[in-house]
Amino acid sequence: PIATWGWLPLLAGVALQEATADRGANTTLKWPNDLLAGPEGHKAAGVLAQTSGEAVVIGVGLNVSTPADQLPFPTATSLKQAGAREVDRADLLVSILTCLDARLVQWEGARGDAAACGLADAYRAVCATIGQHVRVTTMDHRAITGVATGLDPDGRLIVASADADGGEAVIGAGDVEHLRPA
């Protein structure tokens, strides 16, 4: 059902994390759509999803072996820079697609119910954002600072924050920054 499509980028993130986890780079996810790798949790990939009529197109940009001097910004990394063993791109692609297919079959079998198919728990288990102090810049340019406490049933980020009415904000889209202690 269309109402469950918000889980698709998170589903793709879980599949990407599963496919890269055993390659030695210690990968996690930053809500909603980034793959973090290595001990410093730098960005190794991004997942984008866009609707087109009755379809959702998912794209993944993954830095596989990009050298440090060719990465686009200081907090970017590649699987290789994050400590992954040599990665054959064809093998990695097959692994990502296999994981994506398995997750999609489960999700579709549960009619898009992320809790029933295990997707919600799988995402929470590898999400580095939950439990973190964060600053979220929303689509309307509001800044919400607080602690990411979890996901709602639609996959939206829940942030405990004095910036929000009732002390809690539910974020459907936005740029999340993990805040580190000074």
Protein backbone atom coordinates (compact mmCIF):
# COMPACT_ATOMS: atom_id res chain seq x y z
CA PRO A 1 0.00 0.00 0.00
CA ILE A 2 1.15 3.53 -0.82
CA ALA A 3 0.90 4.54 2.84
CA THR A 4 3.78 2.16 3.62
CA TRP A 5 6.16 3.42 0.92
CA GLY A 6 8.02 5.58 3.44
CA TRP A 7 9.72 2.38 4.60
CA LEU A 8 11.28 1.71 1.18
CA PRO A 9 14.41 3.87 1.58
CA LEU A 10 14.87 2.38 5.05
CA LEU A 11 14.42 -1.12 3.60
CA ALA A 12 17.05 -0.35 0.95
CA GLY A 13 19.37 0.95 3.69
CA VAL A 14 19.00 -2.27 5.68
CA ALA A 15 19.74 -4.34 2.56
CA LEU A 16 22.82 -2.20 1.84
CA GLN A 17 24.02 -2.50 5.43
CA GLU A 18 23.49 -6.28 5.40
CA ALA A 19 25.41 -6.64 2.13
CA THR A 20 28.37 -4.60 3.38
CA ALA A 21 28.46 -5.78 7.01
CA ASP A 22 30.63 -8.84 6.44
CA ARG A 23 33.28 -7.02 4.42
CA GLY A 24 35.16 -5.62 7.43
CA ALA A 25 34.07 -1.97 7.31
CA ASN A 26 31.72 -1.95 10.35
CA THR A 27 28.67 -0.34 8.73
CA THR A 28 25.62 1.25 10.34
CA LEU A 29 22.78 3.49 9.15
CA LYS A 30 22.06 7.14 9.79
CA TRP A 31 18.34 7.88 9.50
CA PRO A 32 16.90 8.04 6.96
CA ASN A 33 19.24 7.23 4.11
CA ASP A 34 22.98 7.14 4.80
CA LEU A 35 25.34 4.20 5.23
CA LEU A 36 28.07 5.01 7.73
CA ALA A 37 31.32 3.04 7.80
CA GLY A 38 34.44 2.66 9.86
CA PRO A 39 35.22 3.56 13.45
CA GLU A 40 34.41 7.24 12.92
CA GLY A 41 31.07 6.55 11.22
CA HIS A 42 31.78 8.50 8.05
CA LYS A 43 29.34 8.47 5.15
CA ALA A 44 30.04 5.73 2.61
CA ALA A 45 26.70 5.69 0.78
CA GLY A 46 23.40 7.41 0.33
CA VAL A 47 20.03 5.96 -0.60
CA LEU A 48 17.41 7.97 -2.45
CA ALA A 49 13.86 6.97 -3.27
CA GLN A 50 11.50 8.80 -5.58
CA THR A 51 7.99 7.96 -6.61
CA SER A 52 6.96 7.85 -10.23
CA GLY A 53 3.29 7.10 -10.68
CA GLU A 54 2.64 3.76 -9.07
CA ALA A 55 6.32 2.89 -8.71
CA VAL A 56 9.17 3.79 -6.42
CA VAL A 57 12.64 4.19 -7.91
CA ILE A 58 15.48 3.56 -5.45
CA GLY A 59 19.02 4.69 -6.11
CA VAL A 60 22.16 3.95 -4.14
CA GLY A 61 25.45 5.79 -4.39
CA LEU A 62 28.20 3.77 -2.69
CA ASN A 63 31.86 4.68 -2.40
CA VAL A 64 33.53 1.30 -2.80
CA SER A 65 37.25 1.99 -3.23
CA THR A 66 37.53 5.75 -3.67
CA PRO A 67 40.86 7.02 -2.29
CA ALA A 68 40.70 9.53 0.56
CA ASP A 69 41.97 12.39 -1.63
CA GLN A 70 39.12 11.88 -4.11
CA LEU A 71 36.25 11.80 -1.60
CA PRO A 72 33.85 14.77 -1.84
CA PHE A 73 34.10 15.97 1.77
CA PRO A 74 36.13 15.23 4.95
CA THR A 75 33.41 13.12 6.59
CA ALA A 76 33.00 10.87 3.55
CA THR A 77 34.66 7.50 3.26
CA SER A 78 34.71 4.45 1.05
CA LEU A 79 34.40 0.83 2.07
CA LYS A 80 38.12 0.40 1.37
CA GLN A 81 39.08 3.50 3.40
CA ALA A 82 36.91 2.22 6.26
CA GLY A 83 38.83 -1.04 6.42
CA ALA A 84 36.93 -3.34 4.09
CA ARG A 85 38.82 -6.13 2.43
CA GLU A 86 39.22 -5.86 -1.34
CA VAL A 87 35.70 -5.80 -2.70
CA ASP A 88 34.77 -7.14 -6.10
CA ARG A 89 32.14 -4.71 -7.40
CA ALA A 90 30.15 -7.38 -9.26
CA ASP A 91 30.06 -9.59 -6.18
CA LEU A 92 29.05 -6.61 -4.02
CA LEU A 93 26.26 -5.66 -6.44
CA VAL A 94 24.92 -9.22 -6.44
CA SER A 95 25.00 -9.22 -2.64
CA ILE A 96 23.18 -5.87 -2.40
CA LEU A 97 20.50 -6.97 -4.89
CA THR A 98 20.07 -10.33 -3.15
CA CYS A 99 19.58 -8.64 0.22
CA LEU A 100 17.23 -6.07 -1.32
CA ASP A 101 15.17 -8.79 -3.00
CA ALA A 102 14.89 -10.80 0.23
CA ARG A 103 13.79 -7.74 2.22
CA LEU A 104 11.27 -6.73 -0.48
CA VAL A 105 9.73 -10.22 -0.56
CA GLN A 106 9.30 -10.16 3.24
CA TRP A 107 7.89 -6.62 3.22
CA GLU A 108 5.48 -7.29 0.35
CA GLY A 109 4.41 -10.56 1.99
CA ALA A 110 3.42 -8.57 5.07
CA ARG A 111 1.57 -6.01 2.88
CA GLY A 112 4.10 -3.32 3.79
CA ASP A 113 3.86 -3.89 7.55
CA ALA A 114 7.43 -3.15 8.66
CA ALA A 115 6.86 -4.55 12.15
CA ALA A 116 5.29 -7.81 10.96
CA CYS A 117 8.07 -8.61 8.49
CA GLY A 118 10.92 -7.74 10.87
CA LEU A 119 12.06 -4.68 8.92
CA ALA A 120 11.38 -2.21 11.74
CA ASP A 121 13.43 -4.25 14.22
CA ALA A 122 16.21 -4.84 11.66
CA TYR A 123 16.43 -1.10 10.96
CA ARG A 124 16.49 -0.18 14.65
CA ALA A 125 19.25 -2.74 15.28
CA VAL A 126 21.65 -1.07 12.81
CA CYS A 127 20.54 2.56 13.14
CA ALA A 128 23.30 4.71 14.63
CA THR A 129 20.92 7.66 14.95
CA ILE A 130 18.66 6.20 17.64
CA GLY A 131 19.98 7.21 21.04
CA GLN A 132 22.09 10.04 19.61
CA HIS A 133 21.88 13.75 20.27
CA VAL A 134 20.85 15.17 16.91
CA ARG A 135 20.03 18.36 15.09
CA VAL A 136 17.41 17.88 12.39
CA THR A 137 16.84 20.53 9.76
CA THR A 138 13.35 19.94 8.45
CA MET A 139 12.10 20.54 4.93
CA ASP A 140 10.65 23.89 6.06
CA HIS A 141 14.12 24.85 7.45
CA ARG A 142 13.23 24.49 11.13
CA ALA A 143 16.02 23.19 13.36
CA ILE A 144 15.06 20.63 15.99
CA THR A 145 17.67 19.58 18.53
CA GLY A 146 17.25 16.68 20.92
CA VAL A 147 17.72 12.96 21.36
CA ALA A 148 16.55 10.56 18.65
CA THR A 149 14.49 8.06 20.64
CA GLY A 150 13.13 5.76 17.95
CA LEU A 151 10.92 5.33 14.91
CA ASP A 152 7.17 5.58 14.64
CA PRO A 153 5.12 2.91 12.80
CA ASP A 154 5.63 4.80 9.52
CA GLY A 155 9.43 4.87 9.82
CA ARG A 156 9.59 8.52 10.84
CA LEU A 157 12.23 9.61 13.35
CA ILE A 158 11.07 10.49 16.85
CA VAL A 159 13.12 13.18 18.59
CA ALA A 160 12.67 14.15 22.23
CA SER A 161 13.15 17.90 22.08
CA ALA A 162 12.31 21.09 23.91
CA ASP A 163 12.02 22.62 20.41
CA ALA A 164 8.86 20.59 19.72
CA ASP A 165 5.30 20.94 20.90
CA GLY A 166 4.75 18.43 23.69
CA GLY A 167 8.48 17.73 23.91
CA GLU A 168 8.52 15.31 20.97
CA ALA A 169 8.93 15.81 17.24
CA VAL A 170 8.10 13.22 14.61
CA ILE A 171 10.23 13.84 11.52
CA GLY A 172 9.24 12.45 8.13
CA ALA A 173 12.06 14.07 6.16
CA GLY A 174 15.04 16.22 6.98
CA ASP A 175 18.79 16.47 7.26
CA VAL A 176 20.03 14.77 10.43
CA GLU A 177 23.30 15.73 12.05
CA HIS A 178 24.69 13.56 14.84
CA LEU A 179 25.95 15.92 17.52
CA ARG A 180 29.12 14.90 19.29
CA PRO A 181 30.14 16.03 22.76
CA ALA A 182 32.47 19.04 22.82
